N, C-alpha and C. Protein backbone atom coordinates (compact mmCIF):
# COMPACT_ATOMS: atom_id res chain seq x y z
N UNK A 1 -117.60 -67.07 142.10
CA UNK A 1 -116.51 -66.31 141.50
C UNK A 1 -115.83 -67.10 140.39
N UNK A 2 -115.63 -68.44 140.65
CA UNK A 2 -114.98 -69.27 139.65
C UNK A 2 -115.81 -69.34 138.38
N UNK A 3 -117.15 -69.43 138.52
CA UNK A 3 -118.00 -69.51 137.34
C UNK A 3 -117.94 -68.23 136.52
N UNK A 4 -117.81 -67.08 137.19
CA UNK A 4 -117.70 -65.80 136.48
C UNK A 4 -116.40 -65.75 135.69
N UNK A 5 -115.31 -66.23 136.31
CA UNK A 5 -114.01 -66.26 135.63
C UNK A 5 -114.07 -67.14 134.40
N UNK A 6 -114.70 -68.30 134.49
CA UNK A 6 -114.82 -69.22 133.35
C UNK A 6 -115.62 -68.58 132.23
N UNK A 7 -116.72 -67.90 132.61
CA UNK A 7 -117.54 -67.24 131.60
C UNK A 7 -116.75 -66.14 130.89
N UNK A 8 -115.94 -65.40 131.65
CA UNK A 8 -115.11 -64.35 131.05
C UNK A 8 -114.11 -64.95 130.08
N UNK A 9 -113.52 -66.10 130.46
CA UNK A 9 -112.55 -66.76 129.60
C UNK A 9 -113.21 -67.24 128.32
N UNK A 10 -114.40 -67.82 128.43
CA UNK A 10 -115.14 -68.27 127.25
C UNK A 10 -115.44 -67.10 126.33
N UNK A 11 -115.83 -65.97 126.93
CA UNK A 11 -116.14 -64.79 126.13
C UNK A 11 -114.92 -64.29 125.38
N UNK A 12 -113.76 -64.31 126.06
CA UNK A 12 -112.52 -63.85 125.42
C UNK A 12 -112.13 -64.75 124.27
N UNK A 13 -112.27 -66.08 124.47
CA UNK A 13 -111.95 -67.03 123.39
C UNK A 13 -112.88 -66.85 122.21
N UNK A 14 -114.16 -66.61 122.48
CA UNK A 14 -115.12 -66.40 121.40
C UNK A 14 -114.77 -65.15 120.60
N UNK A 15 -114.36 -64.10 121.31
CA UNK A 15 -113.97 -62.87 120.62
C UNK A 15 -112.75 -63.10 119.74
N UNK A 16 -111.79 -63.91 120.23
CA UNK A 16 -110.59 -64.21 119.44
C UNK A 16 -110.95 -64.95 118.17
N UNK A 17 -111.87 -65.90 118.27
CA UNK A 17 -112.31 -66.65 117.08
C UNK A 17 -112.95 -65.72 116.07
N UNK A 18 -113.75 -64.77 116.54
CA UNK A 18 -114.40 -63.81 115.63
C UNK A 18 -113.36 -62.95 114.94
N UNK A 19 -112.35 -62.49 115.69
CA UNK A 19 -111.29 -61.67 115.10
C UNK A 19 -110.53 -62.45 114.04
N UNK A 20 -110.17 -63.72 114.34
CA UNK A 20 -109.45 -64.53 113.38
C UNK A 20 -110.28 -64.78 112.13
N UNK A 21 -111.57 -65.01 112.32
CA UNK A 21 -112.45 -65.26 111.17
C UNK A 21 -112.54 -64.03 110.28
N UNK A 22 -112.57 -62.86 110.92
CA UNK A 22 -112.66 -61.62 110.15
C UNK A 22 -111.37 -61.37 109.38
N UNK A 23 -110.22 -61.63 110.04
CA UNK A 23 -108.94 -61.35 109.41
C UNK A 23 -108.61 -62.34 108.31
N UNK A 24 -108.83 -63.63 108.57
CA UNK A 24 -108.37 -64.65 107.65
C UNK A 24 -109.46 -65.19 106.74
N UNK A 25 -110.71 -65.08 107.15
CA UNK A 25 -111.74 -65.79 106.42
C UNK A 25 -112.59 -64.93 105.53
N UNK A 26 -112.40 -63.61 105.54
CA UNK A 26 -113.24 -62.78 104.70
C UNK A 26 -112.94 -63.06 103.24
N UNK A 27 -114.00 -63.33 102.49
CA UNK A 27 -113.82 -63.73 101.11
C UNK A 27 -113.21 -62.64 100.26
N UNK A 28 -112.36 -63.07 99.34
CA UNK A 28 -111.81 -62.12 98.38
C UNK A 28 -112.86 -61.86 97.31
N UNK A 29 -113.18 -60.60 97.03
CA UNK A 29 -114.21 -60.28 96.03
C UNK A 29 -113.84 -60.85 94.66
N UNK A 30 -114.86 -61.20 93.90
CA UNK A 30 -114.66 -61.80 92.58
C UNK A 30 -113.83 -60.90 91.68
N UNK A 31 -114.01 -59.60 91.81
CA UNK A 31 -113.27 -58.66 90.97
C UNK A 31 -111.77 -58.78 91.21
N UNK A 32 -111.38 -58.95 92.47
CA UNK A 32 -109.97 -59.09 92.80
C UNK A 32 -109.42 -60.42 92.30
N UNK A 33 -110.19 -61.50 92.45
CA UNK A 33 -109.75 -62.80 91.94
C UNK A 33 -109.60 -62.78 90.43
N UNK A 34 -110.54 -62.13 89.75
CA UNK A 34 -110.48 -62.06 88.29
C UNK A 34 -109.21 -61.32 87.83
N UNK A 35 -108.85 -60.28 88.56
CA UNK A 35 -107.63 -59.54 88.22
C UNK A 35 -106.40 -60.43 88.40
N UNK A 36 -106.36 -61.19 89.49
CA UNK A 36 -105.24 -62.11 89.73
C UNK A 36 -105.17 -63.15 88.63
N UNK A 37 -106.31 -63.71 88.27
CA UNK A 37 -106.33 -64.71 87.19
C UNK A 37 -105.80 -64.12 85.89
N UNK A 38 -106.20 -62.90 85.61
CA UNK A 38 -105.74 -62.24 84.39
C UNK A 38 -104.24 -62.05 84.38
N UNK A 39 -103.67 -61.73 85.54
CA UNK A 39 -102.22 -61.55 85.64
C UNK A 39 -101.48 -62.86 85.38
N UNK A 40 -101.97 -63.95 85.96
CA UNK A 40 -101.31 -65.23 85.75
C UNK A 40 -101.48 -65.70 84.30
N UNK A 41 -102.63 -65.43 83.71
CA UNK A 41 -102.84 -65.80 82.31
C UNK A 41 -101.90 -65.06 81.37
N UNK A 42 -101.53 -63.84 81.74
CA UNK A 42 -100.70 -63.01 80.86
C UNK A 42 -99.31 -62.76 81.45
N UNK A 43 -98.85 -63.66 82.31
CA UNK A 43 -97.57 -63.44 83.01
C UNK A 43 -96.40 -63.23 82.05
N UNK A 44 -96.46 -63.89 80.89
CA UNK A 44 -95.33 -63.78 79.94
C UNK A 44 -95.33 -62.46 79.18
N UNK A 45 -96.28 -61.59 79.45
CA UNK A 45 -96.31 -60.27 78.81
C UNK A 45 -95.58 -59.21 79.63
N UNK A 46 -95.08 -59.61 80.82
CA UNK A 46 -94.47 -58.65 81.73
C UNK A 46 -92.95 -58.77 81.74
N UNK A 47 -92.32 -57.64 82.00
CA UNK A 47 -90.88 -57.58 82.25
C UNK A 47 -90.70 -56.98 83.64
N UNK A 48 -89.84 -57.60 84.44
CA UNK A 48 -89.70 -57.14 85.83
C UNK A 48 -88.23 -56.98 86.18
N UNK A 49 -87.93 -55.87 86.81
CA UNK A 49 -86.58 -55.59 87.30
C UNK A 49 -86.66 -55.30 88.80
N UNK A 50 -85.82 -55.99 89.57
CA UNK A 50 -85.78 -55.80 91.02
C UNK A 50 -84.35 -55.51 91.45
N UNK A 51 -84.18 -54.48 92.25
CA UNK A 51 -82.85 -54.14 92.78
C UNK A 51 -82.94 -54.03 94.30
N UNK A 52 -82.04 -54.72 94.99
CA UNK A 52 -82.00 -54.60 96.44
C UNK A 52 -81.33 -53.28 96.83
N UNK A 53 -81.88 -52.65 97.84
CA UNK A 53 -81.32 -51.42 98.38
C UNK A 53 -80.91 -51.65 99.83
N UNK A 54 -80.30 -50.65 100.42
CA UNK A 54 -79.87 -50.77 101.81
C UNK A 54 -81.06 -51.01 102.74
N UNK A 55 -82.21 -50.44 102.37
CA UNK A 55 -83.38 -50.52 103.25
C UNK A 55 -84.47 -51.47 102.76
N UNK A 56 -84.28 -52.08 101.61
CA UNK A 56 -85.32 -52.96 101.09
C UNK A 56 -85.10 -53.29 99.64
N UNK A 57 -85.98 -52.77 98.76
CA UNK A 57 -85.81 -53.03 97.33
C UNK A 57 -86.57 -52.00 96.52
N UNK A 58 -86.23 -51.93 95.24
CA UNK A 58 -87.02 -51.18 94.27
C UNK A 58 -87.36 -52.15 93.14
N UNK A 59 -88.50 -51.94 92.49
CA UNK A 59 -88.89 -52.81 91.38
C UNK A 59 -89.66 -52.02 90.33
N UNK A 60 -89.57 -52.51 89.12
CA UNK A 60 -90.36 -51.99 88.00
C UNK A 60 -90.94 -53.19 87.26
N UNK A 61 -92.25 -53.21 87.16
CA UNK A 61 -92.95 -54.27 86.43
C UNK A 61 -93.67 -53.62 85.27
N UNK A 62 -93.27 -53.97 84.05
CA UNK A 62 -93.77 -53.26 82.87
C UNK A 62 -94.25 -54.23 81.80
N UNK A 63 -95.01 -53.68 80.86
CA UNK A 63 -95.51 -54.48 79.75
C UNK A 63 -95.79 -53.57 78.56
N UNK A 64 -95.70 -54.14 77.36
CA UNK A 64 -96.05 -53.40 76.15
C UNK A 64 -97.53 -53.54 75.83
N UNK A 65 -98.23 -54.38 76.60
CA UNK A 65 -99.66 -54.62 76.39
C UNK A 65 -100.46 -53.71 77.33
N UNK A 66 -101.26 -52.79 76.79
CA UNK A 66 -102.03 -51.87 77.64
C UNK A 66 -102.96 -52.58 78.63
N UNK A 67 -103.56 -53.70 78.20
CA UNK A 67 -104.45 -54.44 79.10
C UNK A 67 -103.67 -55.05 80.25
N UNK A 68 -102.49 -55.56 79.97
CA UNK A 68 -101.65 -56.11 81.04
C UNK A 68 -101.22 -55.02 82.02
N UNK A 69 -100.90 -53.85 81.50
CA UNK A 69 -100.52 -52.72 82.35
C UNK A 69 -101.68 -52.36 83.28
N UNK A 70 -102.88 -52.32 82.73
CA UNK A 70 -104.06 -52.01 83.54
C UNK A 70 -104.27 -53.06 84.63
N UNK A 71 -104.05 -54.33 84.29
CA UNK A 71 -104.23 -55.41 85.26
C UNK A 71 -103.28 -55.26 86.44
N UNK A 72 -102.00 -55.03 86.16
CA UNK A 72 -101.03 -54.97 87.26
C UNK A 72 -101.25 -53.73 88.12
N UNK A 73 -101.60 -52.62 87.51
CA UNK A 73 -101.87 -51.42 88.29
C UNK A 73 -103.11 -51.60 89.17
N UNK A 74 -104.13 -52.24 88.62
CA UNK A 74 -105.35 -52.50 89.38
C UNK A 74 -105.07 -53.46 90.53
N UNK A 75 -104.33 -54.52 90.24
CA UNK A 75 -104.05 -55.55 91.25
C UNK A 75 -103.29 -54.97 92.43
N UNK A 76 -102.25 -54.20 92.16
CA UNK A 76 -101.44 -53.65 93.24
C UNK A 76 -102.28 -52.72 94.12
N UNK A 77 -103.15 -51.95 93.51
CA UNK A 77 -104.04 -51.06 94.27
C UNK A 77 -105.01 -51.88 95.12
N UNK A 78 -105.55 -52.94 94.54
CA UNK A 78 -106.48 -53.79 95.29
C UNK A 78 -105.81 -54.45 96.48
N UNK A 79 -104.61 -54.98 96.27
CA UNK A 79 -103.91 -55.66 97.36
C UNK A 79 -103.46 -54.68 98.44
N UNK A 80 -103.09 -53.47 98.03
CA UNK A 80 -102.73 -52.44 99.02
C UNK A 80 -103.93 -52.17 99.93
N UNK A 81 -105.10 -52.04 99.34
CA UNK A 81 -106.30 -51.81 100.14
C UNK A 81 -106.61 -52.97 101.06
N UNK A 82 -106.44 -54.18 100.55
CA UNK A 82 -106.73 -55.36 101.36
C UNK A 82 -105.78 -55.45 102.56
N UNK A 83 -104.51 -55.22 102.32
CA UNK A 83 -103.53 -55.31 103.40
C UNK A 83 -103.72 -54.21 104.43
N UNK A 84 -104.08 -53.02 103.98
CA UNK A 84 -104.32 -51.92 104.92
C UNK A 84 -105.54 -52.18 105.79
N UNK A 85 -106.44 -53.02 105.32
CA UNK A 85 -107.61 -53.40 106.11
C UNK A 85 -107.31 -54.55 107.07
N UNK A 86 -106.08 -55.06 107.01
CA UNK A 86 -105.70 -56.15 107.89
C UNK A 86 -106.15 -57.51 107.41
N UNK A 87 -106.44 -57.63 106.12
CA UNK A 87 -106.92 -58.90 105.57
C UNK A 87 -105.76 -59.73 105.03
N UNK A 88 -105.93 -61.06 105.10
CA UNK A 88 -104.89 -61.97 104.67
C UNK A 88 -104.93 -62.15 103.15
N UNK A 89 -103.77 -62.45 102.59
CA UNK A 89 -103.63 -62.78 101.18
C UNK A 89 -102.86 -64.09 101.10
N UNK A 90 -103.35 -65.08 100.34
CA UNK A 90 -102.71 -66.39 100.23
C UNK A 90 -102.39 -66.94 101.62
N UNK A 91 -103.44 -67.14 102.42
CA UNK A 91 -103.24 -67.56 103.81
C UNK A 91 -102.61 -68.94 103.93
N UNK A 92 -102.61 -69.71 102.84
CA UNK A 92 -102.02 -71.05 102.88
C UNK A 92 -100.53 -71.03 102.52
N UNK A 93 -100.00 -69.85 102.18
CA UNK A 93 -98.60 -69.74 101.76
C UNK A 93 -97.79 -69.11 102.90
N UNK A 94 -96.87 -69.85 103.54
CA UNK A 94 -96.16 -69.33 104.72
C UNK A 94 -95.46 -67.99 104.48
N UNK A 95 -94.85 -67.81 103.31
CA UNK A 95 -94.14 -66.55 103.05
C UNK A 95 -95.09 -65.36 103.03
N UNK A 96 -96.31 -65.57 102.54
CA UNK A 96 -97.28 -64.48 102.51
C UNK A 96 -97.78 -64.16 103.90
N UNK A 97 -97.98 -65.17 104.73
CA UNK A 97 -98.38 -64.91 106.11
C UNK A 97 -97.30 -64.09 106.81
N UNK A 98 -96.04 -64.46 106.58
CA UNK A 98 -94.93 -63.71 107.18
C UNK A 98 -94.92 -62.27 106.67
N UNK A 99 -95.15 -62.09 105.37
CA UNK A 99 -95.17 -60.74 104.79
C UNK A 99 -96.29 -59.90 105.41
N UNK A 100 -97.47 -60.48 105.54
CA UNK A 100 -98.59 -59.74 106.13
C UNK A 100 -98.29 -59.38 107.58
N UNK A 101 -97.66 -60.29 108.30
CA UNK A 101 -97.32 -60.02 109.70
C UNK A 101 -96.31 -58.88 109.85
N UNK A 102 -95.50 -58.63 108.82
CA UNK A 102 -94.51 -57.55 108.86
C UNK A 102 -94.96 -56.33 108.05
N UNK A 103 -96.15 -56.37 107.52
CA UNK A 103 -96.58 -55.33 106.58
C UNK A 103 -96.52 -53.93 107.19
N UNK A 104 -96.89 -53.80 108.44
CA UNK A 104 -96.89 -52.48 109.08
C UNK A 104 -95.48 -51.92 109.26
N UNK A 105 -94.48 -52.77 109.14
CA UNK A 105 -93.09 -52.34 109.28
C UNK A 105 -92.42 -52.11 107.93
N UNK A 106 -93.20 -52.09 106.86
CA UNK A 106 -92.66 -51.86 105.52
C UNK A 106 -93.37 -50.67 104.90
N UNK A 107 -92.62 -49.66 104.52
CA UNK A 107 -93.17 -48.51 103.81
C UNK A 107 -93.10 -48.82 102.32
N UNK A 108 -94.26 -49.01 101.69
CA UNK A 108 -94.32 -49.38 100.28
C UNK A 108 -94.85 -48.20 99.48
N UNK A 109 -93.99 -47.63 98.64
CA UNK A 109 -94.36 -46.49 97.81
C UNK A 109 -94.65 -46.98 96.39
N UNK A 110 -95.89 -46.81 95.96
CA UNK A 110 -96.36 -47.34 94.68
C UNK A 110 -96.57 -46.19 93.70
N UNK A 111 -96.00 -46.32 92.51
CA UNK A 111 -96.15 -45.29 91.49
C UNK A 111 -96.56 -45.94 90.18
N UNK A 112 -97.70 -45.52 89.64
CA UNK A 112 -98.09 -45.96 88.30
C UNK A 112 -97.25 -45.22 87.27
N UNK A 113 -96.65 -45.96 86.36
CA UNK A 113 -95.90 -45.36 85.26
C UNK A 113 -96.59 -45.72 83.95
N UNK A 114 -96.15 -45.13 82.85
CA UNK A 114 -96.86 -45.29 81.59
C UNK A 114 -97.05 -46.75 81.18
N UNK A 115 -96.03 -47.59 81.42
CA UNK A 115 -96.11 -48.97 80.96
C UNK A 115 -96.13 -49.99 82.09
N UNK A 116 -96.54 -49.55 83.28
CA UNK A 116 -96.63 -50.51 84.37
C UNK A 116 -96.64 -49.87 85.74
N UNK A 117 -95.78 -50.37 86.60
CA UNK A 117 -95.79 -49.91 87.99
C UNK A 117 -94.39 -49.94 88.57
N UNK A 118 -94.10 -48.96 89.42
CA UNK A 118 -92.82 -48.87 90.10
C UNK A 118 -93.06 -48.91 91.61
N UNK A 119 -92.23 -49.67 92.32
CA UNK A 119 -92.40 -49.81 93.77
C UNK A 119 -91.07 -49.58 94.47
N UNK A 120 -91.12 -48.82 95.55
CA UNK A 120 -89.99 -48.66 96.46
C UNK A 120 -90.44 -49.19 97.82
N UNK A 121 -89.77 -50.22 98.31
CA UNK A 121 -90.13 -50.81 99.60
C UNK A 121 -89.01 -50.54 100.59
N UNK A 122 -89.37 -49.95 101.72
CA UNK A 122 -88.40 -49.58 102.76
C UNK A 122 -88.79 -50.26 104.06
N UNK A 123 -87.94 -51.16 104.54
CA UNK A 123 -88.22 -51.83 105.80
C UNK A 123 -87.81 -50.98 106.98
N UNK A 124 -88.66 -50.95 108.00
CA UNK A 124 -88.37 -50.16 109.19
C UNK A 124 -87.54 -50.93 110.20
N UNK A 125 -87.45 -52.25 110.01
CA UNK A 125 -86.60 -53.10 110.85
C UNK A 125 -85.78 -53.99 109.93
N UNK A 126 -84.72 -54.61 110.47
CA UNK A 126 -83.91 -55.51 109.66
C UNK A 126 -84.74 -56.70 109.19
N UNK A 127 -85.62 -57.19 110.06
CA UNK A 127 -86.48 -58.31 109.68
C UNK A 127 -87.42 -57.92 108.54
N UNK A 128 -88.00 -56.74 108.63
CA UNK A 128 -88.93 -56.28 107.60
C UNK A 128 -88.23 -56.11 106.25
N UNK A 129 -86.98 -55.66 106.28
CA UNK A 129 -86.23 -55.50 105.02
C UNK A 129 -86.09 -56.84 104.31
N UNK A 130 -85.72 -57.88 105.06
CA UNK A 130 -85.51 -59.20 104.47
C UNK A 130 -86.83 -59.81 104.00
N UNK A 131 -87.88 -59.61 104.77
CA UNK A 131 -89.19 -60.15 104.39
C UNK A 131 -89.69 -59.46 103.11
N UNK A 132 -89.48 -58.15 103.01
CA UNK A 132 -89.88 -57.42 101.81
C UNK A 132 -89.13 -57.93 100.59
N UNK A 133 -87.82 -58.17 100.73
CA UNK A 133 -87.03 -58.68 99.60
C UNK A 133 -87.48 -60.07 99.20
N UNK A 134 -87.82 -60.90 100.19
CA UNK A 134 -88.31 -62.24 99.90
C UNK A 134 -89.61 -62.17 99.11
N UNK A 135 -90.47 -61.25 99.51
CA UNK A 135 -91.76 -61.08 98.82
C UNK A 135 -91.53 -60.65 97.36
N UNK A 136 -90.61 -59.73 97.15
CA UNK A 136 -90.31 -59.27 95.80
C UNK A 136 -89.82 -60.43 94.92
N UNK A 137 -89.03 -61.31 95.50
CA UNK A 137 -88.54 -62.46 94.76
C UNK A 137 -89.66 -63.41 94.36
N UNK A 138 -90.64 -63.57 95.24
CA UNK A 138 -91.77 -64.44 94.92
C UNK A 138 -92.59 -63.86 93.78
N UNK A 139 -92.81 -62.56 93.80
CA UNK A 139 -93.54 -61.91 92.70
C UNK A 139 -92.81 -62.14 91.38
N UNK A 140 -91.49 -62.07 91.39
CA UNK A 140 -90.72 -62.32 90.17
C UNK A 140 -90.92 -63.75 89.69
N UNK A 141 -91.02 -64.70 90.61
CA UNK A 141 -91.27 -66.09 90.23
C UNK A 141 -92.65 -66.24 89.60
N UNK A 142 -93.64 -65.51 90.13
CA UNK A 142 -94.97 -65.55 89.53
C UNK A 142 -94.92 -65.10 88.07
N UNK A 143 -94.19 -64.04 87.82
CA UNK A 143 -94.09 -63.51 86.46
C UNK A 143 -93.32 -64.47 85.56
N UNK A 144 -92.30 -65.11 86.10
CA UNK A 144 -91.49 -66.04 85.30
C UNK A 144 -92.25 -67.32 84.97
N UNK A 145 -93.02 -67.85 85.93
CA UNK A 145 -93.57 -69.20 85.78
C UNK A 145 -95.10 -69.26 85.73
N UNK A 146 -95.79 -68.18 86.00
CA UNK A 146 -97.24 -68.17 85.88
C UNK A 146 -97.94 -69.12 86.84
N UNK A 147 -98.95 -69.81 86.33
CA UNK A 147 -99.79 -70.67 87.17
C UNK A 147 -99.00 -71.76 87.87
N UNK A 148 -97.95 -72.25 87.25
CA UNK A 148 -97.15 -73.30 87.88
C UNK A 148 -96.56 -72.83 89.21
N UNK A 149 -96.26 -71.54 89.30
CA UNK A 149 -95.72 -70.98 90.54
C UNK A 149 -96.84 -70.63 91.52
N UNK A 150 -97.99 -70.23 90.99
CA UNK A 150 -99.13 -69.88 91.84
C UNK A 150 -99.48 -71.01 92.79
N UNK A 151 -99.41 -72.24 92.30
CA UNK A 151 -99.86 -73.38 93.09
C UNK A 151 -98.83 -73.87 94.10
N UNK A 152 -97.72 -73.16 94.24
CA UNK A 152 -96.68 -73.55 95.19
C UNK A 152 -96.77 -72.70 96.47
N UNK A 153 -96.26 -73.28 97.56
CA UNK A 153 -96.01 -72.48 98.76
C UNK A 153 -94.56 -72.00 98.72
N UNK A 154 -94.26 -70.98 99.52
CA UNK A 154 -92.93 -70.38 99.48
C UNK A 154 -92.36 -70.25 100.88
N UNK A 155 -91.06 -70.41 100.98
CA UNK A 155 -90.39 -70.42 102.27
C UNK A 155 -90.37 -69.04 102.91
N UNK A 156 -90.48 -69.02 104.22
CA UNK A 156 -90.35 -67.78 104.97
C UNK A 156 -88.87 -67.44 105.15
N UNK A 157 -88.61 -66.24 105.60
CA UNK A 157 -87.24 -65.83 105.90
C UNK A 157 -86.83 -66.32 107.28
N UNK A 158 -87.76 -66.27 108.22
CA UNK A 158 -87.44 -66.55 109.62
C UNK A 158 -88.13 -67.80 110.14
N UNK A 159 -88.30 -68.82 109.30
CA UNK A 159 -88.86 -70.08 109.75
C UNK A 159 -90.35 -70.13 109.56
N UNK A 160 -90.93 -71.29 109.91
CA UNK A 160 -92.35 -71.52 109.69
C UNK A 160 -93.18 -70.52 110.46
N UNK A 161 -94.26 -70.06 109.82
CA UNK A 161 -95.15 -69.10 110.45
C UNK A 161 -96.09 -69.82 111.41
N UNK A 162 -96.14 -69.36 112.65
CA UNK A 162 -97.05 -69.95 113.62
C UNK A 162 -98.48 -69.80 113.17
N UNK A 163 -98.79 -68.66 112.55
CA UNK A 163 -100.16 -68.44 112.09
C UNK A 163 -100.54 -69.46 111.04
N UNK A 164 -99.62 -69.76 110.12
CA UNK A 164 -99.90 -70.76 109.10
C UNK A 164 -100.09 -72.12 109.72
N UNK A 165 -99.25 -72.46 110.70
CA UNK A 165 -99.37 -73.75 111.35
C UNK A 165 -100.72 -73.88 112.06
N UNK A 166 -101.11 -72.83 112.77
CA UNK A 166 -102.39 -72.87 113.48
C UNK A 166 -103.54 -73.01 112.51
N UNK A 167 -103.48 -72.29 111.39
CA UNK A 167 -104.56 -72.37 110.42
C UNK A 167 -104.61 -73.74 109.79
N UNK A 168 -103.44 -74.35 109.56
CA UNK A 168 -103.42 -75.69 109.01
C UNK A 168 -104.05 -76.70 109.95
N UNK A 169 -103.81 -76.53 111.27
CA UNK A 169 -104.40 -77.43 112.24
C UNK A 169 -105.91 -77.28 112.28
N UNK A 170 -106.39 -76.06 112.09
CA UNK A 170 -107.83 -75.81 112.15
C UNK A 170 -108.52 -76.19 110.86
N UNK A 171 -107.87 -75.87 109.72
CA UNK A 171 -108.58 -75.98 108.45
C UNK A 171 -108.11 -77.08 107.54
N UNK A 172 -107.08 -77.86 107.93
CA UNK A 172 -106.61 -78.93 107.08
C UNK A 172 -105.77 -78.41 105.94
N UNK A 173 -105.56 -79.24 104.90
CA UNK A 173 -104.68 -78.86 103.80
C UNK A 173 -105.20 -77.65 103.05
N UNK A 174 -104.26 -76.92 102.47
CA UNK A 174 -104.66 -75.77 101.67
C UNK A 174 -105.33 -76.23 100.39
N UNK A 175 -105.95 -75.27 99.70
CA UNK A 175 -106.56 -75.55 98.41
C UNK A 175 -105.58 -76.25 97.50
N UNK A 176 -104.37 -75.70 97.37
CA UNK A 176 -103.40 -76.25 96.42
C UNK A 176 -102.89 -77.60 96.88
N UNK A 177 -102.79 -77.80 98.19
CA UNK A 177 -102.35 -79.09 98.69
C UNK A 177 -103.38 -80.16 98.43
N UNK A 178 -104.66 -79.77 98.30
CA UNK A 178 -105.72 -80.73 98.05
C UNK A 178 -105.88 -81.04 96.57
N UNK A 179 -105.23 -80.26 95.72
CA UNK A 179 -105.39 -80.39 94.29
C UNK A 179 -105.21 -81.84 93.84
N UNK A 180 -106.18 -82.36 93.12
CA UNK A 180 -106.09 -83.70 92.57
C UNK A 180 -106.77 -84.75 93.42
N UNK A 181 -107.24 -84.40 94.61
CA UNK A 181 -107.92 -85.36 95.45
C UNK A 181 -109.40 -85.36 95.09
N UNK A 182 -109.84 -86.41 94.50
CA UNK A 182 -111.21 -86.50 93.99
C UNK A 182 -112.23 -86.25 95.08
N UNK A 183 -113.17 -85.39 94.76
CA UNK A 183 -114.28 -85.16 95.66
C UNK A 183 -114.02 -84.17 96.77
N UNK A 184 -112.80 -83.64 96.87
CA UNK A 184 -112.50 -82.70 97.94
C UNK A 184 -113.01 -81.31 97.59
N UNK A 185 -113.48 -80.62 98.60
CA UNK A 185 -113.82 -79.21 98.45
C UNK A 185 -112.67 -78.39 99.00
N UNK A 186 -112.21 -77.42 98.24
CA UNK A 186 -111.07 -76.65 98.71
C UNK A 186 -111.41 -75.18 98.74
N UNK A 187 -110.66 -74.46 99.54
CA UNK A 187 -110.86 -73.03 99.69
C UNK A 187 -109.55 -72.30 99.48
N UNK A 188 -109.61 -71.25 98.70
CA UNK A 188 -108.46 -70.37 98.54
C UNK A 188 -108.77 -69.07 99.26
N UNK A 189 -107.77 -68.51 99.96
CA UNK A 189 -107.93 -67.32 100.79
C UNK A 189 -109.01 -67.53 101.85
N UNK A 190 -109.34 -68.81 102.13
CA UNK A 190 -110.32 -69.11 103.15
C UNK A 190 -111.74 -68.85 102.73
N UNK A 191 -112.02 -68.75 101.42
CA UNK A 191 -113.38 -68.39 101.07
C UNK A 191 -113.98 -69.21 99.95
N UNK A 192 -113.39 -69.23 98.77
CA UNK A 192 -114.10 -69.75 97.61
C UNK A 192 -113.87 -71.24 97.47
N UNK A 193 -114.94 -72.03 97.52
CA UNK A 193 -114.82 -73.47 97.38
C UNK A 193 -115.05 -73.90 95.94
N UNK A 194 -114.41 -75.00 95.55
CA UNK A 194 -114.70 -75.57 94.25
C UNK A 194 -114.56 -77.08 94.34
N UNK A 195 -115.42 -77.80 93.68
CA UNK A 195 -115.38 -79.25 93.72
C UNK A 195 -114.33 -79.76 92.76
N UNK A 196 -113.52 -80.69 93.24
CA UNK A 196 -112.36 -81.13 92.49
C UNK A 196 -112.67 -82.19 91.44
N UNK A 197 -113.53 -83.17 91.76
CA UNK A 197 -113.67 -84.37 90.95
C UNK A 197 -113.97 -84.10 89.49
N UNK A 198 -114.95 -83.24 89.23
CA UNK A 198 -115.39 -83.00 87.86
C UNK A 198 -114.44 -82.10 87.10
N UNK A 199 -113.47 -81.50 87.80
CA UNK A 199 -112.59 -80.53 87.16
C UNK A 199 -111.22 -81.11 86.82
N UNK A 200 -110.91 -82.30 87.30
CA UNK A 200 -109.59 -82.86 87.08
C UNK A 200 -109.38 -83.18 85.61
N UNK A 201 -108.15 -83.06 85.15
CA UNK A 201 -107.83 -83.32 83.76
C UNK A 201 -108.14 -84.77 83.44
N UNK A 202 -108.80 -84.99 82.33
CA UNK A 202 -109.16 -86.34 81.92
C UNK A 202 -110.46 -86.80 82.52
N UNK A 203 -111.13 -85.95 83.32
CA UNK A 203 -112.39 -86.31 83.95
C UNK A 203 -113.54 -85.48 83.39
N UNK A 204 -113.32 -84.94 82.22
CA UNK A 204 -114.37 -84.13 81.63
C UNK A 204 -114.29 -82.67 81.99
N UNK A 205 -113.27 -82.31 82.78
CA UNK A 205 -113.11 -80.92 83.17
C UNK A 205 -112.12 -80.21 82.29
N UNK A 206 -111.66 -79.06 82.77
CA UNK A 206 -110.76 -78.24 81.95
C UNK A 206 -109.30 -78.44 82.31
N UNK A 207 -109.01 -79.33 83.26
CA UNK A 207 -107.63 -79.63 83.61
C UNK A 207 -106.98 -78.60 84.50
N UNK A 208 -107.70 -77.54 84.86
CA UNK A 208 -107.12 -76.50 85.72
C UNK A 208 -107.13 -76.97 87.17
N UNK A 209 -106.13 -76.56 87.92
CA UNK A 209 -106.11 -76.88 89.33
C UNK A 209 -107.21 -76.11 90.05
N UNK A 210 -107.48 -76.57 91.28
CA UNK A 210 -108.48 -75.86 92.09
C UNK A 210 -108.09 -74.41 92.27
N UNK A 211 -106.81 -74.16 92.49
CA UNK A 211 -106.37 -72.77 92.70
C UNK A 211 -106.54 -71.94 91.44
N UNK A 212 -106.33 -72.56 90.28
CA UNK A 212 -106.53 -71.82 89.04
C UNK A 212 -108.00 -71.48 88.84
N UNK A 213 -108.89 -72.36 89.33
CA UNK A 213 -110.32 -72.12 89.16
C UNK A 213 -110.84 -71.11 90.17
N UNK A 214 -110.33 -71.15 91.40
CA UNK A 214 -110.94 -70.38 92.46
C UNK A 214 -110.09 -69.24 92.98
N UNK A 215 -108.79 -69.26 92.70
CA UNK A 215 -108.12 -68.14 93.07
C UNK A 215 -106.94 -67.75 93.72
């Protein structure tokens, strides 16, 4: 009887590992990464307005550049699909892990407008409202600072994410945390690796961080 119980426990643990691998480790398609790269490359072409509401926030992200407008509309649609599938985004960033964990408690209404995108976010709980507002603030920082902000982690509203801590224990430093360490292989979103040594500035590379190269 004891051996059967142990086998059942092993089976349950194996299933949990498979679920975690599916949720956190599924690679982000190249098309989605390319869209993100394009947004960071053209961050200074956007204008963003965010207003807090009783239930969350509203935002308008606009641009006079038609290509930039297309990028942001495409990106928001892609990320909406990814989140609805239960997939992680920026798994090394605690604030994003917190946002994904509360995603089902946030009603996000997305509207494409002529020069960009409009979003109304409504939290179904007090915690979800604050997490949604925190997320909106991080997006504004991306637009203000571009790649320099991409390579940073961001604080959660309700303390360190257990999921992030567990992933750090399993997978070591994030891609961005490894940036600059010669010879290290790093992964962004748990999927795309890039070798650091040949890419570092002054080493014959293009000077871009690992996250800028991979995503």
